Amino acid sequence: MNYSVVKRANPINKEAAPLYYAQPVWGTEVGLRTIAQQISKYSTLTLADVSAVLASFIEMLPVWLKEGHSIRLGDFGILRLTFKSDGKEKEEDVTGNSINHVRVVLRCCSEFKNEFNDLHFEKTAVADKKTDGGNNGD
């Protein structure tokens, strides 16, 4: 994986001299069509079949999450919703309106994380913003 070096203010001490940090340089985005094409190549499913399953899966994720389910994705990990809430002095003052900053969190399984144990890092000159030639994540 490529990285570049950037100079940033010290996050712990804003008055201190800026420090240099490694920053990932991402390649192109891989969209659903590309994912479906790759899966189709290595299976007996057609591109249309894989695309339909992926689209349906993505459509169902918010439904399950809103119902409060955790979604186990095999050895990939678990998706779940989390949120923050405003603190109140009395229990009865905590209502749904106290809840804010809802996020989707992925907790990766150790099997998936272990796939990156042998990751090699290579320094590049500058972090480029790249696109996938119009795929736009579709």
N, C-alpha and C. Protein backbone atom coordinates (compact mmCIF):
# COMPACT_ATOMS: atom_id res chain seq x y z
N MET A 1 0.85 -1.17 0.00
CA MET A 1 0.00 0.00 0.00
C MET A 1 0.89 1.23 0.00
N ASN A 2 0.49 2.22 -0.79
CA ASN A 2 1.26 3.45 -0.88
C ASN A 2 0.87 4.43 0.22
N TYR A 3 1.85 5.24 0.61
CA TYR A 3 1.58 6.32 1.56
C TYR A 3 2.40 7.54 1.16
N SER A 4 1.95 8.69 1.62
CA SER A 4 2.71 9.92 1.45
C SER A 4 2.96 10.49 2.84
N VAL A 5 3.78 11.50 2.90
CA VAL A 5 4.09 12.14 4.18
C VAL A 5 3.52 13.56 4.15
N VAL A 6 2.78 13.91 5.20
CA VAL A 6 2.18 15.23 5.29
C VAL A 6 2.57 15.88 6.61
N LYS A 7 2.63 17.19 6.60
CA LYS A 7 2.97 17.95 7.80
C LYS A 7 1.66 18.47 8.40
N ARG A 8 1.44 18.17 9.69
CA ARG A 8 0.21 18.59 10.37
C ARG A 8 0.54 19.12 11.75
N ALA A 9 -0.38 19.93 12.25
CA ALA A 9 -0.25 20.41 13.62
C ALA A 9 -0.29 19.22 14.57
N ASN A 10 0.44 19.31 15.65
CA ASN A 10 0.45 18.27 16.66
C ASN A 10 -0.93 18.19 17.29
N PRO A 11 -1.65 17.05 17.19
CA PRO A 11 -3.02 16.97 17.72
C PRO A 11 -3.08 17.02 19.25
N ILE A 12 -1.99 16.67 19.91
CA ILE A 12 -1.97 16.68 21.37
C ILE A 12 -1.66 18.07 21.91
N ASN A 13 -0.76 18.76 21.25
CA ASN A 13 -0.35 20.09 21.69
C ASN A 13 -0.35 21.03 20.50
N LYS A 14 -1.41 21.80 20.36
CA LYS A 14 -1.57 22.70 19.20
C LYS A 14 -0.48 23.77 19.14
N GLU A 15 0.15 24.07 20.28
CA GLU A 15 1.20 25.10 20.32
C GLU A 15 2.56 24.55 19.88
N ALA A 16 2.70 23.24 19.88
CA ALA A 16 3.97 22.62 19.51
C ALA A 16 4.19 22.73 18.00
N ALA A 17 5.41 22.50 17.61
CA ALA A 17 5.75 22.54 16.18
C ALA A 17 5.00 21.42 15.46
N PRO A 18 4.61 21.68 14.22
CA PRO A 18 3.93 20.62 13.44
C PRO A 18 4.82 19.39 13.32
N LEU A 19 4.17 18.25 13.15
CA LEU A 19 4.87 16.97 12.99
C LEU A 19 4.55 16.38 11.63
N TYR A 20 5.36 15.43 11.19
CA TYR A 20 5.14 14.74 9.92
C TYR A 20 4.46 13.41 10.19
N TYR A 21 3.47 13.08 9.37
CA TYR A 21 2.69 11.86 9.53
C TYR A 21 2.57 11.13 8.20
N ALA A 22 2.51 9.81 8.28
CA ALA A 22 2.22 9.00 7.10
C ALA A 22 0.72 9.08 6.84
N GLN A 23 0.37 9.16 5.57
CA GLN A 23 -1.04 9.25 5.16
C GLN A 23 -1.26 8.27 4.01
N PRO A 24 -2.32 7.45 4.08
CA PRO A 24 -2.54 6.48 2.99
C PRO A 24 -2.81 7.18 1.66
N VAL A 25 -2.32 6.57 0.60
CA VAL A 25 -2.63 7.01 -0.75
C VAL A 25 -3.48 5.90 -1.35
N TRP A 26 -4.76 6.19 -1.52
CA TRP A 26 -5.68 5.18 -2.02
C TRP A 26 -5.66 5.13 -3.53
N GLY A 27 -5.88 3.95 -4.06
CA GLY A 27 -6.01 3.78 -5.49
C GLY A 27 -7.42 4.17 -5.92
N THR A 28 -7.83 3.64 -7.02
CA THR A 28 -9.16 3.95 -7.53
C THR A 28 -10.23 3.28 -6.69
N GLU A 29 -11.41 3.83 -6.70
CA GLU A 29 -12.54 3.20 -6.02
C GLU A 29 -12.99 2.00 -6.85
N VAL A 30 -13.40 0.97 -6.16
CA VAL A 30 -13.96 -0.20 -6.83
C VAL A 30 -15.46 -0.16 -6.59
N GLY A 31 -16.23 -0.02 -7.65
CA GLY A 31 -17.68 0.10 -7.54
C GLY A 31 -18.38 -1.25 -7.56
N LEU A 32 -19.67 -1.22 -7.32
CA LEU A 32 -20.46 -2.45 -7.29
C LEU A 32 -20.42 -3.21 -8.61
N ARG A 33 -20.41 -2.49 -9.72
CA ARG A 33 -20.36 -3.17 -11.02
C ARG A 33 -19.07 -3.96 -11.16
N THR A 34 -17.96 -3.36 -10.76
CA THR A 34 -16.67 -4.06 -10.83
C THR A 34 -16.67 -5.26 -9.90
N ILE A 35 -17.19 -5.08 -8.70
CA ILE A 35 -17.27 -6.19 -7.75
C ILE A 35 -18.12 -7.32 -8.34
N ALA A 36 -19.27 -6.97 -8.89
CA ALA A 36 -20.15 -7.97 -9.48
C ALA A 36 -19.47 -8.68 -10.65
N GLN A 37 -18.75 -7.93 -11.47
CA GLN A 37 -18.04 -8.55 -12.60
C GLN A 37 -17.01 -9.56 -12.12
N GLN A 38 -16.25 -9.19 -11.09
CA GLN A 38 -15.23 -10.08 -10.57
C GLN A 38 -15.84 -11.34 -9.95
N ILE A 39 -16.89 -11.16 -9.16
CA ILE A 39 -17.56 -12.31 -8.56
C ILE A 39 -18.13 -13.22 -9.64
N SER A 40 -18.72 -12.62 -10.65
CA SER A 40 -19.30 -13.39 -11.75
C SER A 40 -18.24 -14.20 -12.49
N LYS A 41 -17.06 -13.62 -12.67
CA LYS A 41 -15.96 -14.31 -13.36
C LYS A 41 -15.53 -15.57 -12.65
N TYR A 42 -15.59 -15.54 -11.32
CA TYR A 42 -15.08 -16.66 -10.53
C TYR A 42 -16.19 -17.50 -9.92
N SER A 43 -17.38 -17.43 -10.51
CA SER A 43 -18.50 -18.24 -10.03
C SER A 43 -19.35 -18.65 -11.23
N THR A 44 -20.41 -19.38 -10.95
CA THR A 44 -21.33 -19.77 -12.02
C THR A 44 -22.48 -18.78 -12.18
N LEU A 45 -22.44 -17.70 -11.42
CA LEU A 45 -23.50 -16.71 -11.48
C LEU A 45 -23.24 -15.69 -12.59
N THR A 46 -24.31 -15.20 -13.18
CA THR A 46 -24.16 -14.16 -14.20
C THR A 46 -23.94 -12.81 -13.54
N LEU A 47 -23.48 -11.86 -14.31
CA LEU A 47 -23.31 -10.50 -13.82
C LEU A 47 -24.63 -9.95 -13.29
N ALA A 48 -25.72 -10.21 -14.02
CA ALA A 48 -27.04 -9.73 -13.58
C ALA A 48 -27.44 -10.35 -12.24
N ASP A 49 -27.17 -11.64 -12.05
CA ASP A 49 -27.49 -12.31 -10.79
C ASP A 49 -26.73 -11.69 -9.63
N VAL A 50 -25.43 -11.54 -9.79
CA VAL A 50 -24.59 -11.00 -8.73
C VAL A 50 -24.99 -9.56 -8.43
N SER A 51 -25.22 -8.76 -9.47
CA SER A 51 -25.62 -7.37 -9.30
C SER A 51 -26.93 -7.27 -8.52
N ALA A 52 -27.88 -8.13 -8.85
CA ALA A 52 -29.17 -8.11 -8.16
C ALA A 52 -29.02 -8.48 -6.69
N VAL A 53 -28.21 -9.48 -6.40
CA VAL A 53 -28.00 -9.89 -5.00
C VAL A 53 -27.32 -8.77 -4.22
N LEU A 54 -26.28 -8.17 -4.78
CA LEU A 54 -25.58 -7.08 -4.09
C LEU A 54 -26.50 -5.88 -3.86
N ALA A 55 -27.28 -5.53 -4.86
CA ALA A 55 -28.21 -4.40 -4.73
C ALA A 55 -29.25 -4.68 -3.64
N SER A 56 -29.79 -5.88 -3.62
CA SER A 56 -30.77 -6.26 -2.60
C SER A 56 -30.15 -6.26 -1.21
N PHE A 57 -28.93 -6.76 -1.11
CA PHE A 57 -28.22 -6.80 0.16
C PHE A 57 -28.03 -5.38 0.71
N ILE A 58 -27.57 -4.48 -0.14
CA ILE A 58 -27.35 -3.10 0.28
C ILE A 58 -28.66 -2.42 0.65
N GLU A 59 -29.72 -2.76 -0.04
CA GLU A 59 -31.04 -2.20 0.27
C GLU A 59 -31.55 -2.69 1.62
N MET A 60 -31.23 -3.93 1.98
CA MET A 60 -31.73 -4.50 3.23
C MET A 60 -30.91 -4.09 4.45
N LEU A 61 -29.65 -3.75 4.28
CA LEU A 61 -28.81 -3.40 5.43
C LEU A 61 -29.44 -2.35 6.34
N PRO A 62 -29.89 -1.19 5.80
CA PRO A 62 -30.50 -0.20 6.69
C PRO A 62 -31.75 -0.70 7.41
N VAL A 63 -32.51 -1.55 6.75
CA VAL A 63 -33.72 -2.09 7.37
C VAL A 63 -33.35 -2.88 8.61
N TRP A 64 -32.40 -3.81 8.47
CA TRP A 64 -31.99 -4.64 9.60
C TRP A 64 -31.34 -3.81 10.70
N LEU A 65 -30.51 -2.85 10.30
CA LEU A 65 -29.84 -2.01 11.30
C LEU A 65 -30.84 -1.17 12.08
N LYS A 66 -31.83 -0.60 11.39
CA LYS A 66 -32.86 0.21 12.06
C LYS A 66 -33.69 -0.62 13.04
N GLU A 67 -33.81 -1.92 12.77
CA GLU A 67 -34.53 -2.82 13.68
C GLU A 67 -33.67 -3.20 14.88
N GLY A 68 -32.43 -2.74 14.91
CA GLY A 68 -31.55 -3.01 16.05
C GLY A 68 -30.70 -4.25 15.92
N HIS A 69 -30.71 -4.88 14.73
CA HIS A 69 -29.92 -6.09 14.54
C HIS A 69 -28.45 -5.78 14.33
N SER A 70 -27.59 -6.67 14.79
CA SER A 70 -26.20 -6.70 14.38
C SER A 70 -26.15 -7.64 13.18
N ILE A 71 -25.35 -7.30 12.18
CA ILE A 71 -25.30 -8.09 10.97
C ILE A 71 -23.92 -8.73 10.84
N ARG A 72 -23.87 -10.05 11.03
CA ARG A 72 -22.61 -10.78 10.90
C ARG A 72 -22.39 -11.10 9.42
N LEU A 73 -21.24 -10.68 8.93
CA LEU A 73 -20.88 -10.89 7.53
C LEU A 73 -19.76 -11.93 7.45
N GLY A 74 -20.06 -13.13 7.91
CA GLY A 74 -19.08 -14.22 7.87
C GLY A 74 -17.79 -13.84 8.57
N ASP A 75 -16.65 -14.15 7.94
CA ASP A 75 -15.35 -13.84 8.51
C ASP A 75 -14.94 -12.40 8.28
N PHE A 76 -15.81 -11.60 7.66
CA PHE A 76 -15.52 -10.18 7.42
C PHE A 76 -15.68 -9.39 8.71
N GLY A 77 -16.84 -9.50 9.34
CA GLY A 77 -17.05 -8.78 10.58
C GLY A 77 -18.51 -8.58 10.89
N ILE A 78 -18.78 -7.66 11.80
CA ILE A 78 -20.14 -7.40 12.24
C ILE A 78 -20.45 -5.92 12.05
N LEU A 79 -21.57 -5.63 11.40
CA LEU A 79 -22.07 -4.27 11.25
C LEU A 79 -23.10 -4.02 12.33
N ARG A 80 -23.08 -2.83 12.92
CA ARG A 80 -24.12 -2.46 13.87
C ARG A 80 -24.19 -0.94 13.94
N LEU A 81 -25.33 -0.46 14.43
CA LEU A 81 -25.49 0.97 14.66
C LEU A 81 -25.00 1.31 16.05
N THR A 82 -24.45 2.48 16.19
CA THR A 82 -24.11 3.01 17.50
C THR A 82 -24.47 4.49 17.49
N PHE A 83 -24.55 5.09 18.66
CA PHE A 83 -24.89 6.51 18.73
C PHE A 83 -24.36 7.09 20.02
N LYS A 84 -24.39 8.41 20.10
CA LYS A 84 -24.07 9.13 21.32
C LYS A 84 -25.35 9.76 21.83
N SER A 85 -25.35 10.14 23.09
CA SER A 85 -26.53 10.84 23.61
C SER A 85 -26.07 11.94 24.56
N ASP A 86 -26.92 12.93 24.71
CA ASP A 86 -26.67 14.00 25.67
C ASP A 86 -26.90 13.46 27.07
N GLY A 87 -26.03 13.83 28.01
CA GLY A 87 -26.18 13.41 29.40
C GLY A 87 -27.26 14.23 30.10
N LYS A 88 -28.05 13.59 30.91
CA LYS A 88 -29.11 14.25 31.69
C LYS A 88 -28.92 13.90 33.16
N GLU A 89 -29.35 14.78 34.03
CA GLU A 89 -29.22 14.54 35.47
C GLU A 89 -30.22 13.49 35.95
N LYS A 90 -31.39 13.40 35.32
CA LYS A 90 -32.42 12.44 35.74
C LYS A 90 -32.67 11.43 34.62
N GLU A 91 -32.89 10.19 35.03
CA GLU A 91 -33.14 9.12 34.07
C GLU A 91 -34.33 9.44 33.18
N GLU A 92 -35.39 9.98 33.76
CA GLU A 92 -36.61 10.24 32.99
C GLU A 92 -36.43 11.37 31.96
N ASP A 93 -35.35 12.13 32.08
CA ASP A 93 -35.08 13.20 31.11
C ASP A 93 -34.40 12.68 29.85
N VAL A 94 -33.92 11.44 29.89
CA VAL A 94 -33.30 10.84 28.71
C VAL A 94 -34.39 10.30 27.81
N THR A 95 -34.50 10.88 26.62
CA THR A 95 -35.52 10.47 25.64
C THR A 95 -34.83 10.22 24.30
N GLY A 96 -35.60 9.83 23.34
CA GLY A 96 -35.08 9.64 21.99
C GLY A 96 -34.46 10.91 21.43
N ASN A 97 -34.96 12.06 21.88
CA ASN A 97 -34.39 13.33 21.42
C ASN A 97 -32.99 13.57 21.98
N SER A 98 -32.60 12.82 23.00
CA SER A 98 -31.25 12.95 23.57
C SER A 98 -30.20 12.27 22.70
N ILE A 99 -30.65 11.40 21.81
CA ILE A 99 -29.74 10.61 20.99
C ILE A 99 -29.32 11.40 19.75
N ASN A 100 -28.03 11.35 19.47
CA ASN A 100 -27.50 12.04 18.29
C ASN A 100 -26.29 11.28 17.76
N HIS A 101 -25.77 11.74 16.69
CA HIS A 101 -24.55 11.20 16.09
C HIS A 101 -24.64 9.69 15.87
N VAL A 102 -25.64 9.26 15.11
CA VAL A 102 -25.80 7.84 14.78
C VAL A 102 -24.76 7.46 13.73
N ARG A 103 -24.09 6.34 13.96
CA ARG A 103 -23.07 5.86 13.03
C ARG A 103 -23.23 4.36 12.79
N VAL A 104 -22.77 3.93 11.63
CA VAL A 104 -22.67 2.50 11.33
C VAL A 104 -21.23 2.11 11.62
N VAL A 105 -21.05 1.06 12.41
CA VAL A 105 -19.72 0.62 12.80
C VAL A 105 -19.50 -0.79 12.27
N LEU A 106 -18.31 -1.03 11.73
CA LEU A 106 -17.91 -2.36 11.32
C LEU A 106 -16.81 -2.83 12.25
N ARG A 107 -17.06 -3.91 12.94
CA ARG A 107 -16.02 -4.54 13.77
C ARG A 107 -15.52 -5.75 13.01
N CYS A 108 -14.32 -5.62 12.46
CA CYS A 108 -13.77 -6.70 11.64
C CYS A 108 -13.37 -7.90 12.49
N CYS A 109 -13.57 -9.08 11.94
CA CYS A 109 -13.15 -10.32 12.60
C CYS A 109 -11.64 -10.47 12.49
N SER A 110 -11.06 -11.19 13.42
CA SER A 110 -9.61 -11.38 13.42
C SER A 110 -9.14 -12.08 12.15
N GLU A 111 -9.94 -13.01 11.61
CA GLU A 111 -9.55 -13.69 10.37
C GLU A 111 -9.36 -12.70 9.23
N PHE A 112 -10.25 -11.71 9.16
CA PHE A 112 -10.15 -10.70 8.11
C PHE A 112 -8.96 -9.78 8.38
N LYS A 113 -8.80 -9.34 9.61
CA LYS A 113 -7.67 -8.46 9.96
C LYS A 113 -6.33 -9.13 9.67
N ASN A 114 -6.26 -10.45 9.91
CA ASN A 114 -5.01 -11.18 9.68
C ASN A 114 -4.57 -11.17 8.23
N GLU A 115 -5.50 -10.90 7.31
CA GLU A 115 -5.17 -10.82 5.89
C GLU A 115 -4.17 -9.69 5.60
N PHE A 116 -4.03 -8.74 6.54
CA PHE A 116 -3.19 -7.58 6.31
C PHE A 116 -1.89 -7.62 7.11
N ASN A 117 -1.60 -8.76 7.74
CA ASN A 117 -0.38 -8.89 8.52
C ASN A 117 0.88 -8.75 7.68
N ASP A 118 0.81 -9.12 6.42
CA ASP A 118 1.98 -9.06 5.55
C ASP A 118 1.96 -7.84 4.61
N LEU A 119 1.19 -6.83 4.97
CA LEU A 119 1.07 -5.63 4.14
C LEU A 119 2.41 -4.90 4.06
N HIS A 120 2.79 -4.50 2.86
CA HIS A 120 4.03 -3.77 2.62
C HIS A 120 3.69 -2.33 2.30
N PHE A 121 4.40 -1.40 2.89
CA PHE A 121 4.14 0.02 2.67
C PHE A 121 5.24 0.62 1.80
N GLU A 122 4.81 1.43 0.84
CA GLU A 122 5.74 2.07 -0.08
C GLU A 122 5.46 3.56 -0.12
N LYS A 123 6.50 4.34 0.08
CA LYS A 123 6.36 5.80 0.12
C LYS A 123 6.23 6.35 -1.30
N THR A 124 5.26 7.27 -1.48
CA THR A 124 5.11 7.96 -2.75
C THR A 124 5.26 9.45 -2.50
N ALA A 125 5.43 10.19 -3.58
CA ALA A 125 5.70 11.62 -3.45
C ALA A 125 4.50 12.40 -2.93
N VAL A 126 3.33 12.17 -3.52
CA VAL A 126 2.16 12.98 -3.19
C VAL A 126 0.93 12.09 -3.14
N ALA A 127 -0.03 12.47 -2.28
CA ALA A 127 -1.31 11.76 -2.22
C ALA A 127 -2.17 12.26 -3.36
N ASP A 128 -2.51 11.37 -4.32
CA ASP A 128 -3.38 11.73 -5.44
C ASP A 128 -4.80 11.32 -5.14
N LYS A 129 -5.75 12.13 -5.59
CA LYS A 129 -7.15 11.72 -5.53
C LYS A 129 -7.47 11.12 -6.88
N LYS A 130 -7.82 9.83 -6.88
CA LYS A 130 -8.08 9.12 -8.12
C LYS A 130 -9.54 8.70 -8.18
N THR A 131 -10.01 8.52 -9.39
CA THR A 131 -11.35 7.97 -9.58
C THR A 131 -11.24 6.73 -10.44
N ASP A 132 -12.31 6.02 -10.56
CA ASP A 132 -12.27 4.76 -11.30
C ASP A 132 -12.81 4.92 -12.71
N GLY A 133 -12.61 6.05 -13.31
CA GLY A 133 -12.98 6.23 -14.70
C GLY A 133 -14.48 6.27 -14.92
N GLY A 134 -15.22 6.88 -13.99
CA GLY A 134 -16.65 7.05 -14.20
C GLY A 134 -17.50 6.00 -13.53
N ASN A 135 -16.89 5.02 -12.86
CA ASN A 135 -17.68 3.98 -12.21
C ASN A 135 -18.47 4.56 -11.05
N ASN A 136 -17.91 5.54 -10.35
CA ASN A 136 -18.59 6.25 -9.27
C ASN A 136 -19.23 5.34 -8.23
N GLY A 137 -18.62 4.21 -7.97
CA GLY A 137 -19.15 3.33 -6.94
C GLY A 137 -20.39 2.55 -7.36
N ASP A 138 -20.82 2.65 -8.60
CA ASP A 138 -22.03 1.95 -9.05
C ASP A 138 -21.73 0.52 -9.38
